[in-house]
N, C-alpha and C. Protein backbone atom coordinates (compact mmCIF):
# COMPACT_ATOMS: atom_id res chain seq x y z
N MET A 1 -16.28 43.29 -193.82
CA MET A 1 -17.40 43.96 -193.09
C MET A 1 -16.73 44.62 -191.95
N ALA A 2 -17.12 45.86 -191.70
CA ALA A 2 -16.57 46.64 -190.51
C ALA A 2 -17.19 46.16 -189.19
N THR A 3 -16.48 46.11 -188.12
CA THR A 3 -17.02 45.75 -186.81
C THR A 3 -17.00 46.91 -185.95
N THR A 4 -17.73 46.88 -184.91
CA THR A 4 -17.75 48.01 -183.97
C THR A 4 -17.10 47.53 -182.72
N GLN A 5 -16.01 48.30 -182.21
CA GLN A 5 -15.38 47.97 -181.05
C GLN A 5 -15.92 48.89 -179.90
N GLU A 6 -15.88 48.35 -178.72
CA GLU A 6 -16.32 49.15 -177.56
C GLU A 6 -15.22 50.09 -177.24
N ALA A 7 -15.43 51.43 -177.49
CA ALA A 7 -14.43 52.42 -177.34
C ALA A 7 -14.67 53.29 -176.04
N VAL A 8 -15.94 53.36 -175.64
CA VAL A 8 -16.26 54.10 -174.46
C VAL A 8 -17.53 53.53 -173.86
N LEU A 9 -17.63 53.56 -172.49
CA LEU A 9 -18.79 53.12 -171.81
C LEU A 9 -19.78 54.34 -171.79
N ILE A 10 -20.99 54.11 -172.09
CA ILE A 10 -22.06 55.11 -172.08
C ILE A 10 -23.02 54.79 -170.99
N SER A 11 -23.26 55.68 -170.07
CA SER A 11 -24.14 55.45 -168.93
C SER A 11 -25.61 55.97 -169.26
N ALA A 12 -25.76 56.86 -170.17
CA ALA A 12 -27.16 57.37 -170.54
C ALA A 12 -27.12 58.12 -171.82
N ILE A 13 -28.22 58.11 -172.46
CA ILE A 13 -28.49 59.01 -173.60
C ILE A 13 -29.70 59.86 -173.12
N VAL A 14 -29.40 61.18 -173.19
CA VAL A 14 -30.47 62.16 -172.80
C VAL A 14 -30.98 62.88 -173.97
N PRO A 15 -32.20 62.54 -174.47
CA PRO A 15 -32.73 63.30 -175.55
C PRO A 15 -33.12 64.73 -175.11
N THR A 16 -32.86 65.67 -175.98
CA THR A 16 -33.40 67.03 -175.75
C THR A 16 -34.28 67.45 -176.90
N LEU A 17 -35.49 67.81 -176.58
CA LEU A 17 -36.49 68.03 -177.60
C LEU A 17 -36.78 69.49 -177.67
N THR A 18 -36.90 70.00 -178.86
CA THR A 18 -37.30 71.43 -178.96
C THR A 18 -38.79 71.48 -179.19
N VAL A 19 -39.53 72.24 -178.40
CA VAL A 19 -41.01 72.19 -178.33
C VAL A 19 -41.71 73.48 -178.57
N ASP A 20 -42.92 73.44 -179.00
CA ASP A 20 -43.62 74.67 -179.31
C ASP A 20 -44.10 75.38 -178.15
N ASP A 21 -44.57 74.71 -177.08
CA ASP A 21 -45.12 75.29 -175.91
C ASP A 21 -44.51 74.52 -174.77
N LEU A 22 -43.51 75.14 -174.10
CA LEU A 22 -42.69 74.47 -173.12
C LEU A 22 -43.49 74.04 -171.91
N GLN A 23 -44.37 74.88 -171.43
CA GLN A 23 -45.22 74.59 -170.21
C GLN A 23 -46.15 73.39 -170.56
N LYS A 24 -46.76 73.44 -171.73
CA LYS A 24 -47.65 72.28 -172.15
C LYS A 24 -46.86 71.04 -172.18
N SER A 25 -45.66 71.01 -172.69
CA SER A 25 -44.81 69.80 -172.69
C SER A 25 -44.39 69.37 -171.35
N ILE A 26 -44.07 70.32 -170.44
CA ILE A 26 -43.71 69.94 -169.10
C ILE A 26 -44.88 69.22 -168.49
N THR A 27 -46.02 69.84 -168.60
CA THR A 27 -47.37 69.19 -168.00
C THR A 27 -47.51 67.84 -168.55
N PHE A 28 -47.30 67.60 -169.83
CA PHE A 28 -47.42 66.25 -170.38
C PHE A 28 -46.45 65.21 -169.78
N TYR A 29 -45.16 65.62 -169.69
CA TYR A 29 -44.17 64.67 -169.07
C TYR A 29 -44.36 64.53 -167.62
N GLU A 30 -44.92 65.48 -166.92
CA GLU A 30 -45.26 65.34 -165.52
C GLU A 30 -46.36 64.29 -165.37
N ALA A 31 -47.32 64.32 -166.22
CA ALA A 31 -48.37 63.34 -166.21
C ALA A 31 -47.87 61.97 -166.45
N LEU A 32 -46.77 61.90 -167.33
CA LEU A 32 -46.11 60.58 -167.57
C LEU A 32 -45.36 60.01 -166.21
N GLY A 33 -44.97 60.98 -165.40
CA GLY A 33 -44.24 60.58 -164.19
C GLY A 33 -42.93 61.24 -164.06
N PHE A 34 -42.57 62.17 -164.91
CA PHE A 34 -41.29 62.86 -164.80
C PHE A 34 -41.49 64.13 -163.88
N ALA A 35 -40.41 64.57 -163.29
CA ALA A 35 -40.48 65.80 -162.46
C ALA A 35 -39.36 66.65 -162.99
N VAL A 36 -39.62 68.00 -162.86
CA VAL A 36 -38.65 69.02 -163.30
C VAL A 36 -37.45 68.93 -162.30
N ASP A 37 -36.29 68.63 -162.87
CA ASP A 37 -35.09 68.53 -162.14
C ASP A 37 -34.25 69.84 -162.12
N GLU A 38 -34.23 70.50 -163.30
CA GLU A 38 -33.62 71.80 -163.43
C GLU A 38 -34.38 72.57 -164.50
N ARG A 39 -34.32 73.86 -164.37
CA ARG A 39 -35.04 74.81 -165.33
C ARG A 39 -34.12 75.97 -165.60
N TRP A 40 -34.23 76.47 -166.92
CA TRP A 40 -33.41 77.62 -167.31
C TRP A 40 -34.38 78.74 -167.66
N ASP A 41 -34.16 79.89 -167.04
CA ASP A 41 -34.98 81.11 -167.29
C ASP A 41 -34.09 82.09 -167.95
N GLU A 42 -34.74 82.95 -168.76
CA GLU A 42 -34.09 84.09 -169.40
C GLU A 42 -35.00 85.28 -169.27
N LYS A 43 -34.50 86.22 -168.46
CA LYS A 43 -35.32 87.46 -168.27
C LYS A 43 -36.75 87.04 -167.63
N GLY A 44 -36.72 86.12 -166.78
CA GLY A 44 -38.06 85.73 -166.14
C GLY A 44 -38.95 84.85 -166.93
N THR A 45 -38.47 84.34 -168.05
CA THR A 45 -39.24 83.43 -168.90
C THR A 45 -38.51 82.08 -168.97
N ILE A 46 -39.31 81.00 -168.71
CA ILE A 46 -38.62 79.72 -168.74
C ILE A 46 -38.29 79.36 -170.25
N ARG A 47 -37.05 78.93 -170.44
CA ARG A 47 -36.62 78.67 -171.84
C ARG A 47 -36.31 77.14 -172.01
N GLY A 48 -36.03 76.49 -170.83
CA GLY A 48 -35.73 75.05 -171.02
C GLY A 48 -35.90 74.38 -169.65
N ALA A 49 -35.95 73.05 -169.75
CA ALA A 49 -36.01 72.26 -168.45
C ALA A 49 -35.43 70.93 -168.68
N MET A 50 -34.91 70.28 -167.59
CA MET A 50 -34.37 69.00 -167.58
C MET A 50 -35.39 68.23 -166.64
N LEU A 51 -35.96 67.19 -167.22
CA LEU A 51 -37.01 66.39 -166.44
C LEU A 51 -36.27 65.11 -166.05
N ARG A 52 -36.70 64.50 -164.94
CA ARG A 52 -36.17 63.26 -164.54
C ARG A 52 -37.18 62.29 -164.04
N ALA A 53 -37.07 61.04 -164.33
CA ALA A 53 -37.88 59.97 -163.74
C ALA A 53 -36.98 58.80 -163.52
N GLY A 54 -36.64 58.55 -162.27
CA GLY A 54 -35.66 57.64 -161.93
C GLY A 54 -34.29 58.06 -162.39
N LYS A 55 -33.58 57.27 -163.22
CA LYS A 55 -32.30 57.60 -163.74
C LYS A 55 -32.45 58.25 -165.15
N THR A 56 -33.62 58.25 -165.62
CA THR A 56 -33.86 58.73 -167.02
C THR A 56 -34.22 60.24 -167.02
N ARG A 57 -33.49 60.94 -167.99
CA ARG A 57 -33.75 62.36 -168.16
C ARG A 57 -34.16 62.66 -169.57
N ILE A 58 -35.00 63.71 -169.65
CA ILE A 58 -35.37 64.33 -170.97
C ILE A 58 -35.27 65.80 -170.86
N GLY A 59 -34.56 66.43 -171.78
CA GLY A 59 -34.51 67.92 -171.89
C GLY A 59 -35.56 68.46 -172.83
N LEU A 60 -36.07 69.60 -172.36
CA LEU A 60 -37.05 70.29 -173.18
C LEU A 60 -36.62 71.70 -173.40
N ASN A 61 -36.61 72.20 -174.63
CA ASN A 61 -36.25 73.59 -174.97
C ASN A 61 -37.35 74.27 -175.64
N GLN A 62 -37.67 75.49 -175.26
CA GLN A 62 -38.68 76.34 -176.01
C GLN A 62 -38.10 76.64 -177.34
N ASP A 63 -38.94 76.39 -178.46
CA ASP A 63 -38.43 76.76 -179.74
C ASP A 63 -38.34 78.32 -179.76
N ASP A 64 -37.26 78.82 -180.46
CA ASP A 64 -37.07 80.30 -180.58
C ASP A 64 -37.65 80.79 -181.89
N TRP A 65 -38.14 79.86 -182.74
CA TRP A 65 -38.86 80.16 -183.96
C TRP A 65 -37.90 80.74 -185.06
N LYS A 66 -36.60 80.62 -184.84
CA LYS A 66 -35.63 81.09 -185.87
C LYS A 66 -35.65 80.31 -187.22
N LYS A 67 -36.23 79.02 -187.09
CA LYS A 67 -36.34 78.20 -188.26
C LYS A 67 -37.79 78.23 -188.75
N GLY A 68 -38.60 79.14 -188.26
CA GLY A 68 -40.04 79.32 -188.76
C GLY A 68 -41.00 78.66 -187.75
N ARG A 69 -42.16 79.21 -187.66
CA ARG A 69 -43.19 78.65 -186.79
C ARG A 69 -43.90 77.48 -187.37
N ASP A 70 -43.76 77.26 -188.66
CA ASP A 70 -44.40 76.09 -189.27
C ASP A 70 -43.51 74.83 -189.30
N ARG A 71 -42.33 74.93 -188.63
CA ARG A 71 -41.48 73.70 -188.52
C ARG A 71 -42.13 72.54 -187.79
N GLN A 72 -42.20 71.45 -188.47
CA GLN A 72 -42.75 70.18 -187.83
C GLN A 72 -41.78 69.61 -186.91
N LYS A 73 -42.26 69.09 -185.78
CA LYS A 73 -41.36 68.42 -184.87
C LYS A 73 -41.83 66.96 -184.67
N GLY A 74 -40.97 66.13 -184.18
CA GLY A 74 -41.39 64.78 -183.91
C GLY A 74 -41.36 63.83 -185.11
N ILE A 75 -41.01 64.32 -186.27
CA ILE A 75 -41.06 63.49 -187.47
C ILE A 75 -39.96 62.41 -187.30
N GLY A 76 -40.33 61.21 -187.46
CA GLY A 76 -39.31 60.14 -187.50
C GLY A 76 -38.67 59.81 -186.20
N VAL A 77 -39.21 60.29 -185.02
CA VAL A 77 -38.57 60.13 -183.80
C VAL A 77 -39.50 59.34 -182.86
N ARG A 78 -39.05 58.30 -182.18
CA ARG A 78 -39.73 57.56 -181.30
C ARG A 78 -38.79 57.29 -180.05
N LEU A 79 -39.37 57.65 -178.83
CA LEU A 79 -38.69 57.34 -177.67
C LEU A 79 -39.31 56.12 -177.05
N SER A 80 -38.47 55.10 -176.79
CA SER A 80 -38.99 53.90 -176.03
C SER A 80 -38.58 53.96 -174.66
N ILE A 81 -39.52 53.91 -173.77
CA ILE A 81 -39.26 54.15 -172.28
C ILE A 81 -39.67 52.89 -171.55
N SER A 82 -38.71 52.25 -170.95
CA SER A 82 -38.89 50.97 -170.21
C SER A 82 -39.19 51.42 -168.67
N THR A 83 -40.18 50.62 -168.12
CA THR A 83 -40.50 50.86 -166.60
C THR A 83 -40.62 49.52 -165.95
N PRO A 84 -40.07 49.53 -164.80
CA PRO A 84 -40.37 48.25 -163.92
C PRO A 84 -41.74 48.32 -163.22
N GLY A 85 -42.38 49.51 -163.46
CA GLY A 85 -43.70 49.72 -162.83
C GLY A 85 -44.86 49.17 -163.73
N SER A 86 -45.98 49.50 -163.39
CA SER A 86 -47.26 49.13 -164.07
C SER A 86 -47.51 50.05 -165.31
N VAL A 87 -47.42 49.44 -166.58
CA VAL A 87 -47.73 50.18 -167.74
C VAL A 87 -49.23 50.61 -167.68
N ASP A 88 -50.12 49.74 -167.19
CA ASP A 88 -51.57 50.12 -167.16
C ASP A 88 -51.80 51.25 -166.24
N GLU A 89 -51.07 51.29 -165.16
CA GLU A 89 -51.24 52.50 -164.23
C GLU A 89 -50.72 53.74 -164.80
N ILE A 90 -49.65 53.67 -165.60
CA ILE A 90 -49.14 54.94 -166.27
C ILE A 90 -50.20 55.45 -167.36
N ALA A 91 -50.64 54.41 -168.09
CA ALA A 91 -51.68 54.68 -169.12
C ALA A 91 -52.96 55.44 -168.54
N THR A 92 -53.38 54.80 -167.38
CA THR A 92 -54.54 55.40 -166.63
C THR A 92 -54.20 56.86 -166.20
N ARG A 93 -53.11 57.01 -165.75
CA ARG A 93 -52.69 58.36 -165.26
C ARG A 93 -52.71 59.35 -166.34
N LEU A 94 -52.23 58.94 -167.55
CA LEU A 94 -52.20 59.89 -168.65
C LEU A 94 -53.65 60.15 -169.10
N LYS A 95 -54.44 59.12 -169.15
CA LYS A 95 -55.85 59.33 -169.60
C LYS A 95 -56.60 60.23 -168.56
N ASN A 96 -56.33 60.07 -167.27
CA ASN A 96 -56.99 60.89 -166.25
C ASN A 96 -56.51 62.40 -166.40
N ALA A 97 -55.33 62.52 -166.99
CA ALA A 97 -54.87 63.97 -167.19
C ALA A 97 -55.41 64.51 -168.58
N GLY A 98 -56.21 63.75 -169.24
CA GLY A 98 -56.91 64.26 -170.47
C GLY A 98 -56.00 64.03 -171.75
N ILE A 99 -55.06 63.05 -171.59
CA ILE A 99 -54.13 62.78 -172.76
C ILE A 99 -54.71 61.52 -173.48
N THR A 100 -54.82 61.60 -174.77
CA THR A 100 -55.29 60.51 -175.59
C THR A 100 -54.17 59.61 -176.02
N LEU A 101 -54.28 58.26 -175.75
CA LEU A 101 -53.22 57.32 -176.06
C LEU A 101 -53.40 56.99 -177.56
N LYS A 102 -52.28 56.70 -178.23
CA LYS A 102 -52.35 56.23 -179.58
C LYS A 102 -52.68 54.75 -179.62
N SER A 103 -52.32 53.96 -178.60
CA SER A 103 -52.80 52.54 -178.43
C SER A 103 -52.91 52.27 -176.95
N GLU A 104 -53.86 51.36 -176.61
CA GLU A 104 -54.08 50.99 -175.22
C GLU A 104 -53.03 49.98 -174.89
N PRO A 105 -52.78 49.78 -173.55
CA PRO A 105 -51.75 48.83 -173.14
C PRO A 105 -52.17 47.37 -173.63
N ARG A 106 -51.18 46.71 -174.08
CA ARG A 106 -51.39 45.36 -174.55
C ARG A 106 -50.16 44.43 -174.35
N ASP A 107 -50.42 43.20 -174.30
CA ASP A 107 -49.32 42.24 -174.18
C ASP A 107 -48.51 42.17 -175.48
N THR A 108 -47.21 42.09 -175.41
CA THR A 108 -46.33 41.96 -176.53
C THR A 108 -45.77 40.60 -176.74
N GLU A 109 -45.28 40.37 -177.92
CA GLU A 109 -44.70 39.09 -178.21
C GLU A 109 -43.35 38.88 -177.43
N TRP A 110 -42.81 39.90 -176.89
CA TRP A 110 -41.54 39.78 -176.13
C TRP A 110 -41.82 39.77 -174.68
N LYS A 111 -42.99 39.41 -174.30
CA LYS A 111 -43.48 39.16 -172.86
C LYS A 111 -43.39 40.43 -171.95
N SER A 112 -43.87 41.47 -172.51
CA SER A 112 -43.96 42.69 -171.69
C SER A 112 -45.35 43.34 -172.10
N ARG A 113 -45.66 44.46 -171.55
CA ARG A 113 -46.89 45.26 -171.85
C ARG A 113 -46.36 46.55 -172.42
N ALA A 114 -47.14 47.08 -173.29
CA ALA A 114 -46.76 48.41 -173.99
C ALA A 114 -47.99 49.13 -174.43
N PHE A 115 -47.79 50.48 -174.55
CA PHE A 115 -48.68 51.33 -175.22
C PHE A 115 -48.03 52.48 -175.83
N GLU A 116 -48.67 53.18 -176.76
CA GLU A 116 -47.98 54.27 -177.44
C GLU A 116 -48.77 55.61 -177.18
N VAL A 117 -48.08 56.69 -177.13
CA VAL A 117 -48.69 58.02 -176.84
C VAL A 117 -47.80 59.01 -177.62
N SER A 118 -48.41 60.07 -178.11
CA SER A 118 -47.72 61.17 -178.77
C SER A 118 -47.67 62.36 -177.84
N ASP A 119 -46.51 62.95 -177.68
CA ASP A 119 -46.39 64.18 -176.82
C ASP A 119 -47.02 65.35 -177.57
N PRO A 120 -47.15 66.54 -176.98
CA PRO A 120 -47.83 67.62 -177.66
C PRO A 120 -47.17 68.17 -178.90
N ASN A 121 -45.98 67.73 -179.16
CA ASN A 121 -45.23 68.16 -180.41
C ASN A 121 -45.18 67.02 -181.43
N GLY A 122 -45.79 65.87 -181.11
CA GLY A 122 -45.76 64.79 -182.18
C GLY A 122 -44.64 63.81 -181.99
N PHE A 123 -43.86 63.92 -180.88
CA PHE A 123 -42.85 62.98 -180.62
C PHE A 123 -43.51 61.71 -180.04
N MET A 124 -43.26 60.54 -180.74
CA MET A 124 -43.92 59.29 -180.37
C MET A 124 -43.16 58.63 -179.21
N LEU A 125 -44.02 58.13 -178.24
CA LEU A 125 -43.38 57.44 -177.14
C LEU A 125 -44.01 56.02 -177.08
N THR A 126 -43.19 54.98 -176.80
CA THR A 126 -43.64 53.64 -176.52
C THR A 126 -43.29 53.38 -175.00
N ILE A 127 -44.28 53.29 -174.29
CA ILE A 127 -43.99 52.91 -172.85
C ILE A 127 -44.14 51.42 -172.68
N PHE A 128 -43.13 50.75 -172.16
CA PHE A 128 -43.24 49.33 -172.06
C PHE A 128 -42.63 48.81 -170.73
N SER A 129 -43.25 47.67 -170.28
CA SER A 129 -42.69 47.11 -169.10
C SER A 129 -41.46 46.16 -169.43
N GLU A 130 -40.65 46.03 -168.46
CA GLU A 130 -39.49 45.23 -168.64
C GLU A 130 -39.94 43.79 -168.80
N PRO A 131 -39.45 43.03 -169.90
CA PRO A 131 -39.92 41.72 -170.14
C PRO A 131 -39.68 40.83 -168.93
N ALA A 132 -40.62 39.91 -168.80
CA ALA A 132 -40.51 38.90 -167.71
C ALA A 132 -39.31 38.05 -167.96
N ALA A 133 -38.64 37.64 -166.86
CA ALA A 133 -37.36 36.82 -167.09
C ALA A 133 -37.74 35.43 -167.45
């Protein structure tokens, strides 16, 4: 059986999502607690953004439609986001912004709280608290 050896230290994985409506996606992630860290414009039109919450970053790119406007996004992708903060407060903030949760905050078997929400493009997110020690 093959084994994995530590060859490199990784300090972060930054997902970059291609989205249908960049501004709508930015608004969603801002409601989640992210802030725009960088943005890329082309001829006065925003084409992409890097968002940050603490040390976590998510990139968003406006779809250029070269693969067709009917291309589905978010299929088979789930982002799990850990927070030392209150999961319930984040869920409330999202609901106050008009965002429907896929599941309400609940206690988990691994001694944390979690809920699920889908972003405007169908990317699933699980927001969970860091398990109690």
